[in-house]
Amino acid sequence: MTFADASLTALRVFREVAERGTLTAAATALGYTQSAVSRQIASLERAAGTPLLERRHDGVRLTSAGRIVVRRAAGVLDQLDATARELAGLPGEQGTVRLGWFPTAGADLLPRALAALRRTHPAITVLSREGGTPALVRALRAGTLDLALVASAPPFRPPDTETPALALRTLAERSLRVAVPASHPLARREYVDVADLRGQRWIAGSGDDRVMGVWPGVDERPEIAHTARDWLAKLHLVAAGCGITTVPGSLGAVVPAGVRVLAVRGGPGEQRRVLLAHLPRPLSDAAARVAEALREAALETDSVGAPTTR
């Protein structure tokens, strides 16, 4: 068996593994069993005549051969998908941009940018999906995304250690804030002292998003009353009086009723950056237009400002 005989199914499975970082996550995303994913990878490695993945305790990493395969596979699969869209009467690949975004970017920045893009460049099709920053970075490396909105916290290190380094552009830098119920004693003020956050009940994110829930400078083991992956669920729990949580400053304009978003004073400043990331090569015209729309939307969001009371 030569690599030319590799199946499209195996290529799709390999691309998913490269993007997700683990066989288990890829199996879940594809609706396969882990053993089925393992068999597809094994068949692809036999066809390639060399290992394509380095198995590690925390997942998998592409070998040098694997990086070649995923890059080529992404191109082949994208062309097939473009053909399917054309046959279905949908826009062709030339004006299509694949965009990834971290969860809170979908609350304000992304809708603003896409609405503006529809007005100025209606021929461009944006296919977008939500994901955590690590998953989005893997997707860029795997060639399954053209652009990604990713989040960065101090000390603002690069999102991965692979080479070549991703091209990064800072779209916004905003202060982290706290969201409290409108009936909470802290809500009577215009800001919160960091010392007042001791002894509070917190609504935290789950997994790697845990930092977006508990104030990083709290000098005690926090009492976490609830955990939720979805940021809107956290804010509705706040509105219901179940606890307090952290939010990026950009969400102040879209919080539900019954929530106040307040700045925190005292202790080190807590800044968060919104970055636009892509592989270090020239963008297509369509991707460049999307990148510019995101930049302008970020500037517009900053100029409009965010109310602190809802």
C-alpha atoms as a PDB file:
ATOM      1  CA  MET A   1       0.000   0.000   0.000  1.00  0.00           C
ATOM      2  CA  THR A   2       1.353   3.416  -0.994  1.00  0.00           C
ATOM      3  CA  PHE A   3       0.306   6.789   0.373  1.00  0.00           C
ATOM      4  CA  ALA A   4      -1.604   7.449  -2.852  1.00  0.00           C
ATOM      5  CA  ASP A   5      -3.967   4.682  -1.720  1.00  0.00           C
ATOM      6  CA  ALA A   6      -4.760   6.386   1.603  1.00  0.00           C
ATOM      7  CA  SER A   7      -8.482   6.787   2.181  1.00  0.00           C
ATOM      8  CA  LEU A   8     -10.225  10.129   2.512  1.00  0.00           C
ATOM      9  CA  THR A   9     -11.717   8.899   5.780  1.00  0.00           C
ATOM     10  CA  ALA A  10      -8.250   8.320   7.201  1.00  0.00           C
ATOM     11  CA  LEU A  11      -7.168  11.795   6.087  1.00  0.00           C
ATOM     12  CA  ARG A  12     -10.209  13.394   7.728  1.00  0.00           C
ATOM     13  CA  VAL A  13      -9.594  11.459  10.941  1.00  0.00           C
ATOM     14  CA  PHE A  14      -5.913  12.437  10.926  1.00  0.00           C
ATOM     15  CA  ARG A  15      -6.766  16.104  10.426  1.00  0.00           C
ATOM     16  CA  GLU A  16      -9.206  15.954  13.341  1.00  0.00           C
ATOM     17  CA  VAL A  17      -6.605  14.311  15.611  1.00  0.00           C
ATOM     18  CA  ALA A  18      -4.028  16.936  14.648  1.00  0.00           C
ATOM     19  CA  GLU A  19      -6.500  19.691  15.483  1.00  0.00           C
ATOM     20  CA  ARG A  20      -7.902  18.214  18.717  1.00  0.00           C
ATOM     21  CA  GLY A  21      -4.585  17.043  20.149  1.00  0.00           C
ATOM     22  CA  THR A  22      -5.878  13.690  21.451  1.00  0.00           C
ATOM     23  CA  LEU A  23      -7.389  10.563  19.915  1.00  0.00           C
ATOM     24  CA  THR A  24     -10.218  10.691  22.445  1.00  0.00           C
ATOM     25  CA  ALA A  25     -11.225  14.256  21.577  1.00  0.00           C
ATOM     26  CA  ALA A  26     -11.091  13.485  17.855  1.00  0.00           C
ATOM     27  CA  ALA A  27     -13.241  10.386  18.331  1.00  0.00           C
ATOM     28  CA  THR A  28     -15.833  12.401  20.250  1.00  0.00           C
ATOM     29  CA  ALA A  29     -15.916  15.139  17.599  1.00  0.00           C
ATOM     30  CA  LEU A  30     -16.309  12.628  14.765  1.00  0.00           C
ATOM     31  CA  GLY A  31     -18.743  10.323  16.546  1.00  0.00           C
ATOM     32  CA  TYR A  32     -16.293   7.395  16.291  1.00  0.00           C
ATOM     33  CA  THR A  33     -14.911   5.039  18.885  1.00  0.00           C
ATOM     34  CA  GLN A  34     -11.329   5.622  19.953  1.00  0.00           C
ATOM     35  CA  SER A  35     -10.330   2.237  18.550  1.00  0.00           C
ATOM     36  CA  ALA A  36     -11.779   3.209  15.149  1.00  0.00           C
ATOM     37  CA  VAL A  37      -9.721   6.415  15.193  1.00  0.00           C
ATOM     38  CA  SER A  38      -6.612   4.424  16.154  1.00  0.00           C
ATOM     39  CA  ARG A  39      -7.173   2.022  13.237  1.00  0.00           C
ATOM     40  CA  GLN A  40      -7.484   4.891  10.750  1.00  0.00           C
ATOM     41  CA  ILE A  41      -4.278   6.495  12.035  1.00  0.00           C
ATOM     42  CA  ALA A  42      -2.472   3.147  11.915  1.00  0.00           C
ATOM     43  CA  SER A  43      -3.539   2.595   8.293  1.00  0.00           C
ATOM     44  CA  LEU A  44      -2.331   6.072   7.349  1.00  0.00           C
ATOM     45  CA  GLU A  45       1.030   5.527   9.039  1.00  0.00           C
ATOM     46  CA  ARG A  46       1.438   2.206   7.196  1.00  0.00           C
ATOM     47  CA  ALA A  47       0.746   3.996   3.918  1.00  0.00           C
ATOM     48  CA  ALA A  48       3.226   6.740   4.797  1.00  0.00           C
ATOM     49  CA  GLY A  49       5.849   4.246   5.919  1.00  0.00           C
ATOM     50  CA  THR A  50       6.722   6.381   8.944  1.00  0.00           C
ATOM     51  CA  PRO A  51       5.135   7.538  12.221  1.00  0.00           C
ATOM     52  CA  LEU A  52       2.922  10.595  11.790  1.00  0.00           C
ATOM     53  CA  LEU A  53       2.155  11.141  15.472  1.00  0.00           C
ATOM     54  CA  GLU A  54       4.256  11.172  18.599  1.00  0.00           C
ATOM     55  CA  ARG A  55       2.216   9.548  21.378  1.00  0.00           C
ATOM     56  CA  ARG A  56       2.613  11.385  24.702  1.00  0.00           C
ATOM     57  CA  HIS A  57       1.022  11.089  28.125  1.00  0.00           C
ATOM     58  CA  ASP A  58      -0.944  14.295  27.531  1.00  0.00           C
ATOM     59  CA  GLY A  59      -2.026  13.577  23.957  1.00  0.00           C
ATOM     60  CA  VAL A  60      -0.304  13.474  20.586  1.00  0.00           C
ATOM     61  CA  ARG A  61       2.044  15.737  18.675  1.00  0.00           C
ATOM     62  CA  LEU A  62       2.711  15.769  14.947  1.00  0.00           C
ATOM     63  CA  THR A  63       6.034  14.416  13.726  1.00  0.00           C
ATOM     64  CA  SER A  64       7.807  16.213  10.888  1.00  0.00           C
ATOM     65  CA  ALA A  65       6.177  13.749   8.471  1.00  0.00           C
ATOM     66  CA  GLY A  66       2.835  14.324  10.172  1.00  0.00           C
ATOM     67  CA  ARG A  67       3.079  18.076   9.612  1.00  0.00           C
ATOM     68  CA  ILE A  68       3.618  17.470   5.896  1.00  0.00           C
ATOM     69  CA  VAL A  69       0.656  15.103   5.711  1.00  0.00           C
ATOM     70  CA  VAL A  70      -1.752  17.334   7.609  1.00  0.00           C
ATOM     71  CA  ARG A  71      -0.839  20.345   5.513  1.00  0.00           C
ATOM     72  CA  ARG A  72      -1.388  18.452   2.260  1.00  0.00           C
ATOM     73  CA  ALA A  73      -4.445  16.642   3.578  1.00  0.00           C
ATOM     74  CA  ALA A  74      -6.063  19.921   4.600  1.00  0.00           C
ATOM     75  CA  GLY A  75      -5.645  21.228   1.054  1.00  0.00           C
ATOM     76  CA  VAL A  76      -7.115  18.092  -0.520  1.00  0.00           C
ATOM     77  CA  LEU A  77     -10.076  17.959   1.862  1.00  0.00           C
ATOM     78  CA  ASP A  78     -10.782  21.676   1.503  1.00  0.00           C
ATOM     79  CA  GLN A  79     -10.903  21.301  -2.277  1.00  0.00           C
ATOM     80  CA  LEU A  80     -13.321  18.396  -1.958  1.00  0.00           C
ATOM     81  CA  ASP A  81     -15.488  20.379   0.439  1.00  0.00           C
ATOM     82  CA  ALA A  82     -15.422  23.335  -1.963  1.00  0.00           C
ATOM     83  CA  THR A  83     -16.549  21.047  -4.778  1.00  0.00           C
ATOM     84  CA  ALA A  84     -19.425  19.791  -2.647  1.00  0.00           C
ATOM     85  CA  ARG A  85     -20.491  23.371  -1.892  1.00  0.00           C
ATOM     86  CA  GLU A  86     -20.364  24.346  -5.552  1.00  0.00           C
ATOM     87  CA  LEU A  87     -22.418  21.305  -6.515  1.00  0.00           C
ATOM     88  CA  ALA A  88     -24.932  22.348  -3.863  1.00  0.00           C
ATOM     89  CA  GLY A  89     -25.082  25.858  -5.329  1.00  0.00           C
ATOM     90  CA  LEU A  90     -23.215  27.505  -2.445  1.00  0.00           C
ATOM     91  CA  PRO A  91     -20.389  30.053  -2.788  1.00  0.00           C
ATOM     92  CA  GLY A  92     -17.057  28.688  -3.976  1.00  0.00           C
ATOM     93  CA  GLU A  93     -13.884  28.400  -1.923  1.00  0.00           C
ATOM     94  CA  GLN A  94     -12.270  31.507  -3.371  1.00  0.00           C
ATOM     95  CA  GLY A  95     -14.325  33.824  -1.156  1.00  0.00           C
ATOM     96  CA  THR A  96     -14.563  31.546   1.872  1.00  0.00           C
ATOM     97  CA  VAL A  97     -12.669  32.180   5.128  1.00  0.00           C
ATOM     98  CA  ARG A  98     -12.541  29.730   8.036  1.00  0.00           C
ATOM     99  CA  LEU A  99     -12.514  31.622  11.332  1.00  0.00           C
ATOM    100  CA  GLY A 100     -12.185  30.334  14.881  1.00  0.00           C
ATOM    101  CA  TRP A 101     -13.028  32.324  17.999  1.00  0.00           C
ATOM    102  CA  PHE A 102     -12.819  31.932  21.766  1.00  0.00           C
ATOM    103  CA  PRO A 103     -16.218  31.935  23.552  1.00  0.00           C
ATOM    104  CA  THR A 104     -16.610  35.521  24.770  1.00  0.00           C
ATOM    105  CA  ALA A 105     -15.543  36.922  21.367  1.00  0.00           C
ATOM    106  CA  GLY A 106     -18.890  35.671  20.074  1.00  0.00           C
ATOM    107  CA  ALA A 107     -20.796  37.984  22.392  1.00  0.00           C
ATOM    108  CA  ASP A 108     -19.906  41.285  20.739  1.00  0.00           C
ATOM    109  CA  LEU A 109     -16.746  41.471  18.618  1.00  0.00           C
ATOM    110  CA  LEU A 110     -17.576  38.681  16.171  1.00  0.00           C
ATOM    111  CA  PRO A 111     -21.188  39.738  15.431  1.00  0.00           C
ATOM    112  CA  ARG A 112     -20.087  43.340  14.869  1.00  0.00           C
ATOM    113  CA  ALA A 113     -17.399  42.282  12.419  1.00  0.00           C
ATOM    114  CA  LEU A 114     -19.600  39.866  10.475  1.00  0.00           C
ATOM    115  CA  ALA A 115     -22.459  42.357  10.231  1.00  0.00           C
ATOM    116  CA  ALA A 116     -20.101  44.990   8.821  1.00  0.00           C
ATOM    117  CA  LEU A 117     -18.540  42.477   6.428  1.00  0.00           C
ATOM    118  CA  ARG A 118     -21.943  41.524   5.016  1.00  0.00           C
ATOM    119  CA  ARG A 119     -22.547  45.179   4.202  1.00  0.00           C
ATOM    120  CA  THR A 120     -19.154  45.902   2.648  1.00  0.00           C
ATOM    121  CA  HIS A 121     -18.161  42.540   1.107  1.00  0.00           C
ATOM    122  CA  PRO A 122     -21.265  40.358   0.744  1.00  0.00           C
ATOM    123  CA  ALA A 123     -19.473  37.913  -1.598  1.00  0.00           C
ATOM    124  CA  ILE A 124     -17.167  36.733   1.205  1.00  0.00           C
ATOM    125  CA  THR A 125     -18.411  33.681   3.072  1.00  0.00           C
ATOM    126  CA  VAL A 126     -17.182  33.235   6.653  1.00  0.00           C
ATOM    127  CA  LEU A 127     -17.418  29.781   8.196  1.00  0.00           C
ATOM    128  CA  SER A 128     -16.799  30.158  11.916  1.00  0.00           C
ATOM    129  CA  ARG A 129     -16.647  27.978  14.987  1.00  0.00           C
ATOM    130  CA  GLU A 130     -16.038  28.432  18.688  1.00  0.00           C
ATOM    131  CA  GLY A 131     -13.206  26.821  20.616  1.00  0.00           C
ATOM    132  CA  GLY A 132     -10.723  27.259  23.425  1.00  0.00           C
ATOM    133  CA  THR A 133      -7.463  29.001  22.557  1.00  0.00           C
ATOM    134  CA  PRO A 134      -5.320  25.797  22.592  1.00  0.00           C
ATOM    135  CA  ALA A 135      -7.738  24.027  20.221  1.00  0.00           C
ATOM    136  CA  LEU A 136      -7.872  27.030  17.888  1.00  0.00           C
ATOM    137  CA  VAL A 137      -4.075  27.204  17.739  1.00  0.00           C
ATOM    138  CA  ARG A 138      -3.902  23.500  16.875  1.00  0.00           C
ATOM    139  CA  ALA A 139      -6.506  24.073  14.154  1.00  0.00           C
ATOM    140  CA  LEU A 140      -4.389  26.852  12.632  1.00  0.00           C
ATOM    141  CA  ARG A 141      -1.351  24.564  12.648  1.00  0.00           C
ATOM    142  CA  ALA A 142      -3.407  21.761  11.097  1.00  0.00           C
ATOM    143  CA  GLY A 143      -4.611  24.045   8.329  1.00  0.00           C
ATOM    144  CA  THR A 144      -8.300  23.734   9.208  1.00  0.00           C
ATOM    145  CA  LEU A 145      -8.642  27.428  10.096  1.00  0.00           C
ATOM    146  CA  ASP A 146      -7.420  30.505   8.227  1.00  0.00           C
ATOM    147  CA  LEU A 147      -7.781  32.954  11.128  1.00  0.00           C
ATOM    148  CA  ALA A 148      -8.426  32.633  14.850  1.00  0.00           C
ATOM    149  CA  LEU A 149      -9.428  35.062  17.571  1.00  0.00           C
ATOM    150  CA  VAL A 150      -7.536  33.905  20.662  1.00  0.00           C
ATOM    151  CA  ALA A 151      -7.297  35.177  24.231  1.00  0.00           C
ATOM    152  CA  SER A 152      -4.096  36.007  26.085  1.00  0.00           C
ATOM    153  CA  ALA A 153      -3.401  36.731  29.748  1.00  0.00           C
ATOM    154  CA  PRO A 154      -0.244  38.055  31.469  1.00  0.00           C
ATOM    155  CA  PRO A 155       2.642  37.471  30.939  1.00  0.00           C
ATOM    156  CA  PHE A 156       1.337  37.351  27.335  1.00  0.00           C
ATOM    157  CA  ARG A 157       3.442  34.477  26.074  1.00  0.00           C
ATOM    158  CA  PRO A 158       3.027  33.120  22.518  1.00  0.00           C
ATOM    159  CA  PRO A 159       0.067  30.722  22.311  1.00  0.00           C
ATOM    160  CA  ASP A 160       2.339  27.763  21.485  1.00  0.00           C
ATOM    161  CA  THR A 161       6.008  26.863  21.147  1.00  0.00           C
ATOM    162  CA  GLU A 162       5.874  25.438  17.623  1.00  0.00           C
ATOM    163  CA  THR A 163       7.950  26.895  14.805  1.00  0.00           C
ATOM    164  CA  PRO A 164       7.544  28.973  12.818  1.00  0.00           C
ATOM    165  CA  ALA A 165       5.792  31.259  15.286  1.00  0.00           C
ATOM    166  CA  LEU A 166       2.233  32.251  14.472  1.00  0.00           C
ATOM    167  CA  ALA A 167       1.574  35.752  13.189  1.00  0.00           C
ATOM    168  CA  LEU A 168      -0.207  37.625  15.992  1.00  0.00           C
ATOM    169  CA  ARG A 169      -1.969  40.978  15.985  1.00  0.00           C
ATOM    170  CA  THR A 170      -3.370  42.568  19.146  1.00  0.00           C
ATOM    171  CA  LEU A 171      -6.912  43.759  18.441  1.00  0.00           C
ATOM    172  CA  ALA A 172      -7.766  44.903  21.964  1.00  0.00           C
ATOM    173  CA  GLU A 173      -6.420  44.982  25.503  1.00  0.00           C
ATOM    174  CA  ARG A 174      -8.973  45.353  28.258  1.00  0.00           C
ATOM    175  CA  SER A 175      -9.158  45.138  32.019  1.00  0.00           C
ATOM    176  CA  LEU A 176     -10.665  42.106  33.689  1.00  0.00           C
ATOM    177  CA  ARG A 177     -13.726  43.004  35.792  1.00  0.00           C
ATOM    178  CA  VAL A 178     -16.136  41.349  38.179  1.00  0.00           C
ATOM    179  CA  ALA A 179     -19.834  40.769  37.628  1.00  0.00           C
ATOM    180  CA  VAL A 180     -21.995  40.925  40.760  1.00  0.00           C
ATOM    181  CA  PRO A 181     -25.745  40.641  41.344  1.00  0.00           C
ATOM    182  CA  ALA A 182     -27.496  44.013  41.325  1.00  0.00           C
ATOM    183  CA  SER A 183     -28.737  43.224  44.850  1.00  0.00           C
ATOM    184  CA  HIS A 184     -25.231  42.427  46.180  1.00  0.00           C
ATOM    185  CA  PRO A 185     -23.690  44.881  48.718  1.00  0.00           C
ATOM    186  CA  LEU A 186     -20.730  45.388  46.354  1.00  0.00           C
ATOM    187  CA  ALA A 187     -23.122  46.594  43.646  1.00  0.00           C
ATOM    188  CA  ARG A 188     -23.721  49.853  45.540  1.00  0.00           C
ATOM    189  CA  ARG A 189     -20.244  51.077  44.587  1.00  0.00           C
ATOM    190  CA  GLU A 190     -18.655  52.267  41.363  1.00  0.00           C
ATOM    191  CA  TYR A 191     -15.711  49.892  41.805  1.00  0.00           C
ATOM    192  CA  VAL A 192     -14.581  47.021  44.036  1.00  0.00           C
ATOM    193  CA  ASP A 193     -11.440  46.889  46.201  1.00  0.00           C
ATOM    194  CA  VAL A 194      -9.548  43.645  45.727  1.00  0.00           C
ATOM    195  CA  ALA A 195      -9.679  43.078  49.505  1.00  0.00           C
ATOM    196  CA  ASP A 196     -13.499  42.988  49.276  1.00  0.00           C
ATOM    197  CA  LEU A 197     -13.294  39.897  47.066  1.00  0.00           C
ATOM    198  CA  ARG A 198     -12.146  37.734  49.973  1.00  0.00           C
ATOM    199  CA  GLY A 199     -14.847  35.453  51.314  1.00  0.00           C
ATOM    200  CA  GLN A 200     -17.038  35.716  48.221  1.00  0.00           C
ATOM    201  CA  ARG A 201     -18.813  32.803  46.522  1.00  0.00           C
ATOM    202  CA  TRP A 202     -17.556  32.375  42.962  1.00  0.00           C
ATOM    203  CA  ILE A 203     -19.035  31.072  39.746  1.00  0.00           C
ATOM    204  CA  ALA A 204     -16.088  29.599  37.869  1.00  0.00           C
ATOM    205  CA  GLY A 205     -15.428  28.250  34.426  1.00  0.00           C
ATOM    206  CA  SER A 206     -14.594  24.586  33.912  1.00  0.00           C
ATOM    207  CA  GLY A 207     -11.265  23.104  32.905  1.00  0.00           C
ATOM    208  CA  ASP A 208      -8.820  25.567  31.358  1.00  0.00           C
ATOM    209  CA  ASP A 209     -11.458  28.327  31.518  1.00  0.00           C
ATOM    210  CA  ARG A 210     -11.393  28.291  35.317  1.00  0.00           C
ATOM    211  CA  VAL A 211      -9.366  31.512  35.347  1.00  0.00           C
ATOM    212  CA  MET A 212     -12.346  33.256  33.755  1.00  0.00           C
ATOM    213  CA  GLY A 213     -14.420  33.015  36.877  1.00  0.00           C
ATOM    214  CA  VAL A 214     -12.278  33.626  39.962  1.00  0.00           C
ATOM    215  CA  TRP A 215     -10.323  36.850  40.377  1.00  0.00           C
ATOM    216  CA  PRO A 216      -6.625  35.900  39.925  1.00  0.00           C
ATOM    217  CA  GLY A 217      -5.412  38.155  42.762  1.00  0.00           C
ATOM    218  CA  VAL A 218      -7.592  36.687  45.525  1.00  0.00           C
ATOM    219  CA  ASP A 219      -5.193  35.678  48.335  1.00  0.00           C
ATOM    220  CA  GLU A 220      -7.195  32.729  49.631  1.00  0.00           C
ATOM    221  CA  ARG A 221      -8.568  29.445  48.409  1.00  0.00           C
ATOM    222  CA  PRO A 222     -11.769  30.556  46.688  1.00  0.00           C
ATOM    223  CA  GLU A 223     -15.166  29.130  47.510  1.00  0.00           C
ATOM    224  CA  ILE A 224     -16.540  27.954  44.178  1.00  0.00           C
ATOM    225  CA  ALA A 225     -20.297  27.566  44.374  1.00  0.00           C
ATOM    226  CA  HIS A 226     -20.947  26.739  40.716  1.00  0.00           C
ATOM    227  CA  THR A 227     -18.977  25.903  37.580  1.00  0.00           C
ATOM    228  CA  ALA A 228     -20.190  26.508  34.041  1.00  0.00           C
ATOM    229  CA  ARG A 229     -18.424  26.404  30.687  1.00  0.00           C
ATOM    230  CA  ASP A 230     -20.769  28.875  29.005  1.00  0.00           C
ATOM    231  CA  TRP A 231     -20.137  32.535  29.933  1.00  0.00           C
ATOM    232  CA  LEU A 232     -23.824  33.477  29.531  1.00  0.00           C
ATOM    233  CA  ALA A 233     -24.828  30.737  31.956  1.00  0.00           C
ATOM    234  CA  LYS A 234     -22.356  32.147  34.485  1.00  0.00           C
ATOM    235  CA  LEU A 235     -23.831  35.636  34.125  1.00  0.00           C
ATOM    236  CA  HIS A 236     -27.395  34.361  34.563  1.00  0.00           C
ATOM    237  CA  LEU A 237     -26.264  32.570  37.726  1.00  0.00           C
ATOM    238  CA  VAL A 238     -24.873  35.912  38.880  1.00  0.00           C
ATOM    239  CA  ALA A 239     -28.197  37.609  38.094  1.00  0.00           C
ATOM    240  CA  ALA A 240     -29.935  34.932  40.166  1.00  0.00           C
ATOM    241  CA  GLY A 241     -27.762  35.847  43.161  1.00  0.00           C
ATOM    242  CA  CYS A 242     -25.777  32.589  43.146  1.00  0.00           C
ATOM    243  CA  GLY A 243     -22.360  34.235  43.345  1.00  0.00           C
ATOM    244  CA  ILE A 244     -19.993  36.535  41.499  1.00  0.00           C
ATOM    245  CA  THR A 245     -17.679  35.928  38.532  1.00  0.00           C
ATOM    246  CA  THR A 246     -15.069  37.614  36.383  1.00  0.00           C
ATOM    247  CA  VAL A 247     -15.718  38.953  32.896  1.00  0.00           C
ATOM    248  CA  PRO A 248     -13.646  40.754  30.281  1.00  0.00           C
ATOM    249  CA  GLY A 249     -14.475  44.438  30.079  1.00  0.00           C
ATOM    250  CA  SER A 250     -15.913  43.991  26.580  1.00  0.00           C
ATOM    251  CA  LEU A 251     -18.925  42.089  27.951  1.00  0.00           C
ATOM    252  CA  GLY A 252     -20.242  45.001  29.982  1.00  0.00           C
ATOM    253  CA  ALA A 253     -22.613  46.006  27.181  1.00  0.00           C
ATOM    254  CA  VAL A 254     -24.223  42.581  26.786  1.00  0.00           C
ATOM    255  CA  VAL A 255     -24.696  41.300  30.354  1.00  0.00           C
ATOM    256  CA  PRO A 256     -28.243  40.251  31.325  1.00  0.00           C
ATOM    257  CA  ALA A 257     -30.494  42.361  33.537  1.00  0.00           C
ATOM    258  CA  GLY A 258     -29.745  42.133  37.241  1.00  0.00           C
ATOM    259  CA  VAL A 259     -25.959  42.176  36.838  1.00  0.00           C
ATOM    260  CA  ARG A 260     -23.452  44.959  37.512  1.00  0.00           C
ATOM    261  CA  VAL A 261     -19.967  44.849  35.983  1.00  0.00           C
ATOM    262  CA  LEU A 262     -17.412  46.669  38.119  1.00  0.00           C
ATOM    263  CA  ALA A 263     -13.723  47.528  37.892  1.00  0.00           C
ATOM    264  CA  VAL A 264     -11.388  46.157  40.589  1.00  0.00           C
ATOM    265  CA  ARG A 265      -8.866  48.381  42.371  1.00  0.00           C
ATOM    266  CA  GLY A 266      -5.840  47.351  44.392  1.00  0.00           C
ATOM    267  CA  GLY A 267      -3.338  44.630  43.640  1.00  0.00           C
ATOM    268  CA  PRO A 268      -1.715  44.048  40.246  1.00  0.00           C
ATOM    269  CA  GLY A 269      -3.690  45.058  37.183  1.00  0.00           C
ATOM    270  CA  GLU A 270      -5.374  42.212  35.359  1.00  0.00           C
ATOM    271  CA  GLN A 271      -5.337  42.821  31.608  1.00  0.00           C
ATOM    272  CA  ARG A 272      -6.583  40.516  28.862  1.00  0.00           C
ATOM    273  CA  ARG A 273      -5.714  40.716  25.174  1.00  0.00           C
ATOM    274  CA  VAL A 274      -7.710  39.714  22.133  1.00  0.00           C
ATOM    275  CA  LEU A 275      -5.328  38.491  19.430  1.00  0.00           C
ATOM    276  CA  LEU A 276      -5.880  37.645  15.787  1.00  0.00           C
ATOM    277  CA  ALA A 277      -3.668  34.712  14.839  1.00  0.00           C
ATOM    278  CA  HIS A 278      -2.791  33.015  11.567  1.00  0.00           C
ATOM    279  CA  LEU A 279       0.044  31.080  10.007  1.00  0.00           C
ATOM    280  CA  PRO A 280       3.059  33.263   9.093  1.00  0.00           C
ATOM    281  CA  ARG A 281       2.278  33.638   5.415  1.00  0.00           C
ATOM    282  CA  PRO A 282       0.362  36.176   3.319  1.00  0.00           C
ATOM    283  CA  LEU A 283      -3.393  36.103   3.801  1.00  0.00           C
ATOM    284  CA  SER A 284      -5.765  35.634   0.905  1.00  0.00           C
ATOM    285  CA  ASP A 285      -7.691  38.739  -0.136  1.00  0.00           C
ATOM    286  CA  ALA A 286     -10.830  37.396   1.552  1.00  0.00           C
ATOM    287  CA  ALA A 287      -9.008  36.556   4.795  1.00  0.00           C
ATOM    288  CA  ALA A 288      -7.379  40.007   4.800  1.00  0.00           C
ATOM    289  CA  ARG A 289     -10.831  41.594   4.473  1.00  0.00           C
ATOM    290  CA  VAL A 290     -12.106  39.541   7.427  1.00  0.00           C
ATOM    291  CA  ALA A 291      -9.055  40.489   9.482  1.00  0.00           C
ATOM    292  CA  GLU A 292      -9.662  44.179   8.771  1.00  0.00           C
ATOM    293  CA  ALA A 293     -13.342  43.869   9.701  1.00  0.00           C
ATOM    294  CA  LEU A 294     -12.345  42.318  13.036  1.00  0.00           C
ATOM    295  CA  ARG A 295      -9.824  45.087  13.682  1.00  0.00           C
ATOM    296  CA  GLU A 296     -12.403  47.797  12.968  1.00  0.00           C
ATOM    297  CA  ALA A 297     -15.009  46.053  15.132  1.00  0.00           C
ATOM    298  CA  ALA A 298     -12.534  45.920  18.028  1.00  0.00           C
ATOM    299  CA  LEU A 299     -11.845  49.645  17.666  1.00  0.00           C
ATOM    300  CA  GLU A 300     -15.571  50.366  17.517  1.00  0.00           C
ATOM    301  CA  THR A 301     -16.205  48.330  20.652  1.00  0.00           C
ATOM    302  CA  ASP A 302     -13.511  50.267  22.509  1.00  0.00           C
ATOM    303  CA  SER A 303     -14.867  53.640  21.371  1.00  0.00           C
ATOM    304  CA  VAL A 304     -18.448  52.807  22.313  1.00  0.00           C
ATOM    305  CA  GLY A 305     -17.429  51.724  25.803  1.00  0.00           C
ATOM    306  CA  ALA A 306     -19.334  49.403  28.106  1.00  0.00           C
ATOM    307  CA  PRO A 307     -21.971  50.360  30.684  1.00  0.00           C
ATOM    308  CA  THR A 308     -21.448  48.983  34.189  1.00  0.00           C
ATOM    309  CA  THR A 309     -25.113  48.634  35.160  1.00  0.00           C
ATOM    310  CA  ARG A 310     -27.814  46.411  33.752  1.00  0.00           C
END
